[in-house]
Amino acid sequence: MNNNSRGEDLLTPAEVADILKASKATAYALLSRGVIPTVHIGSLVRVRRGDLERYLREKTELKNQTKPKSITSAETKEQMQSES
């Protein structure tokens, strides 16, 4: 892990994979498609820790927004009665 001039952590693709608990191939695919922003230093590819954290926050927020509301059996009965 390296620090750039602003004190931000720069992560390698392997470190990104470790943090995501994913394979290196998955991490490289996310990086190459631009899903997670990258920094290029010559031929090296790095990811700002803040960009990875933002990606994870957005994925978590999106998952929470699309989570279906669970319906209780009382609500189901009520709905069925009102439709009849």
C-alpha atoms as a PDB file:
ATOM      1  CA  MET A   1       0.000   0.000   0.000  1.00  0.00           C
ATOM      2  CA  ASN A   2       1.395   3.417  -0.946  1.00  0.00           C
ATOM      3  CA  ASN A   3       0.415   6.950  -0.026  1.00  0.00           C
ATOM      4  CA  ASN A   4       0.171   9.655  -2.658  1.00  0.00           C
ATOM      5  CA  SER A   5       0.873  13.337  -1.961  1.00  0.00           C
ATOM      6  CA  ARG A   6      -2.617  13.881  -0.513  1.00  0.00           C
ATOM      7  CA  GLY A   7      -2.181  11.053   1.969  1.00  0.00           C
ATOM      8  CA  GLU A   8      -4.701   8.795   0.225  1.00  0.00           C
ATOM      9  CA  ASP A   9      -4.027   5.076   0.191  1.00  0.00           C
ATOM     10  CA  LEU A  10      -3.398   3.594  -3.219  1.00  0.00           C
ATOM     11  CA  LEU A  11      -4.334  -0.072  -3.506  1.00  0.00           C
ATOM     12  CA  THR A  12      -3.097  -2.690  -5.947  1.00  0.00           C
ATOM     13  CA  PRO A  13      -5.643  -4.778  -7.857  1.00  0.00           C
ATOM     14  CA  ALA A  14      -4.686  -7.732  -5.625  1.00  0.00           C
ATOM     15  CA  GLU A  15      -5.471  -5.655  -2.515  1.00  0.00           C
ATOM     16  CA  VAL A  16      -8.795  -4.626  -4.070  1.00  0.00           C
ATOM     17  CA  ALA A  17      -9.587  -8.315  -4.636  1.00  0.00           C
ATOM     18  CA  ASP A  18      -8.710  -9.117  -1.002  1.00  0.00           C
ATOM     19  CA  ILE A  19     -10.931  -6.325   0.316  1.00  0.00           C
ATOM     20  CA  LEU A  20     -13.812  -7.414  -1.932  1.00  0.00           C
ATOM     21  CA  LYS A  21     -13.239 -11.080  -1.014  1.00  0.00           C
ATOM     22  CA  ALA A  22     -13.210 -11.732  -4.747  1.00  0.00           C
ATOM     23  CA  SER A  23     -10.800 -13.247  -7.236  1.00  0.00           C
ATOM     24  CA  LYS A  24      -8.118 -11.139  -8.876  1.00  0.00           C
ATOM     25  CA  ALA A  25      -9.887 -11.743 -12.197  1.00  0.00           C
ATOM     26  CA  THR A  26     -13.087 -10.203 -10.820  1.00  0.00           C
ATOM     27  CA  ALA A  27     -11.179  -7.206  -9.465  1.00  0.00           C
ATOM     28  CA  TYR A  28      -9.386  -6.688 -12.791  1.00  0.00           C
ATOM     29  CA  ALA A  29     -12.710  -6.939 -14.655  1.00  0.00           C
ATOM     30  CA  LEU A  30     -14.289  -4.254 -12.443  1.00  0.00           C
ATOM     31  CA  LEU A  31     -11.243  -2.031 -12.913  1.00  0.00           C
ATOM     32  CA  SER A  32     -10.932  -2.520 -16.667  1.00  0.00           C
ATOM     33  CA  ARG A  33     -14.649  -1.778 -17.213  1.00  0.00           C
ATOM     34  CA  GLY A  34     -14.298   1.417 -15.180  1.00  0.00           C
ATOM     35  CA  VAL A  35     -16.764   0.301 -12.533  1.00  0.00           C
ATOM     36  CA  ILE A  36     -14.159   1.277  -9.934  1.00  0.00           C
ATOM     37  CA  PRO A  37     -11.999   4.280 -10.939  1.00  0.00           C
ATOM     38  CA  THR A  38      -8.275   3.656 -11.361  1.00  0.00           C
ATOM     39  CA  VAL A  39      -5.067   5.656 -11.260  1.00  0.00           C
ATOM     40  CA  HIS A  40      -2.391   4.781 -13.821  1.00  0.00           C
ATOM     41  CA  ILE A  41       1.235   5.316 -12.851  1.00  0.00           C
ATOM     42  CA  GLY A  42       3.189   4.289 -15.913  1.00  0.00           C
ATOM     43  CA  SER A  43       2.117   0.693 -16.474  1.00  0.00           C
ATOM     44  CA  LEU A  44       0.902   0.292 -12.881  1.00  0.00           C
ATOM     45  CA  VAL A  45      -2.784   0.333 -12.017  1.00  0.00           C
ATOM     46  CA  ARG A  46      -3.842   1.536  -8.587  1.00  0.00           C
ATOM     47  CA  VAL A  47      -7.135   2.317  -6.862  1.00  0.00           C
ATOM     48  CA  ARG A  48      -7.692   5.071  -4.343  1.00  0.00           C
ATOM     49  CA  ARG A  49      -9.069   3.587  -1.140  1.00  0.00           C
ATOM     50  CA  GLY A  50     -11.743   6.308  -1.106  1.00  0.00           C
ATOM     51  CA  ASP A  51     -12.946   5.281  -4.586  1.00  0.00           C
ATOM     52  CA  LEU A  52     -13.224   1.647  -3.499  1.00  0.00           C
ATOM     53  CA  GLU A  53     -15.092   2.651  -0.330  1.00  0.00           C
ATOM     54  CA  ARG A  54     -17.462   4.822  -2.409  1.00  0.00           C
ATOM     55  CA  TYR A  55     -18.131   1.886  -4.758  1.00  0.00           C
ATOM     56  CA  LEU A  56     -18.931  -0.370  -1.790  1.00  0.00           C
ATOM     57  CA  ARG A  57     -21.209   2.270  -0.219  1.00  0.00           C
ATOM     58  CA  GLU A  58     -23.087   2.746  -3.486  1.00  0.00           C
ATOM     59  CA  LYS A  59     -23.532  -0.999  -3.939  1.00  0.00           C
ATOM     60  CA  THR A  60     -24.808  -1.315  -0.360  1.00  0.00           C
ATOM     61  CA  GLU A  61     -27.216   1.609  -0.783  1.00  0.00           C
ATOM     62  CA  LEU A  62     -28.486   0.243  -4.091  1.00  0.00           C
ATOM     63  CA  LYS A  63     -29.030  -3.194  -2.575  1.00  0.00           C
ATOM     64  CA  ASN A  64     -30.948  -1.697   0.351  1.00  0.00           C
ATOM     65  CA  GLN A  65     -33.118   0.416  -1.979  1.00  0.00           C
ATOM     66  CA  THR A  66     -34.106  -2.533  -4.169  1.00  0.00           C
ATOM     67  CA  LYS A  67     -34.736  -4.948  -1.306  1.00  0.00           C
ATOM     68  CA  PRO A  68     -38.366  -6.079  -1.500  1.00  0.00           C
ATOM     69  CA  LYS A  69     -40.540  -5.306   1.491  1.00  0.00           C
ATOM     70  CA  SER A  70     -41.479  -8.436   3.376  1.00  0.00           C
ATOM     71  CA  ILE A  71     -45.211  -8.890   3.738  1.00  0.00           C
ATOM     72  CA  THR A  72     -46.727 -10.440   6.836  1.00  0.00           C
ATOM     73  CA  SER A  73     -49.435 -13.053   6.554  1.00  0.00           C
ATOM     74  CA  ALA A  74     -51.943 -10.582   8.046  1.00  0.00           C
ATOM     75  CA  GLU A  75     -51.136  -8.073   5.286  1.00  0.00           C
ATOM     76  CA  THR A  76     -51.508 -10.802   2.673  1.00  0.00           C
ATOM     77  CA  LYS A  77     -54.958 -11.782   4.004  1.00  0.00           C
ATOM     78  CA  GLU A  78     -55.975  -8.130   4.100  1.00  0.00           C
ATOM     79  CA  GLN A  79     -54.852  -7.593   0.504  1.00  0.00           C
ATOM     80  CA  MET A  80     -56.648 -10.737  -0.713  1.00  0.00           C
ATOM     81  CA  GLN A  81     -59.877  -9.655   1.003  1.00  0.00           C
ATOM     82  CA  SER A  82     -59.749  -6.177  -0.515  1.00  0.00           C
ATOM     83  CA  GLU A  83     -59.212  -7.638  -4.017  1.00  0.00           C
ATOM     84  CA  SER A  84     -62.258  -9.946  -3.755  1.00  0.00           C
END
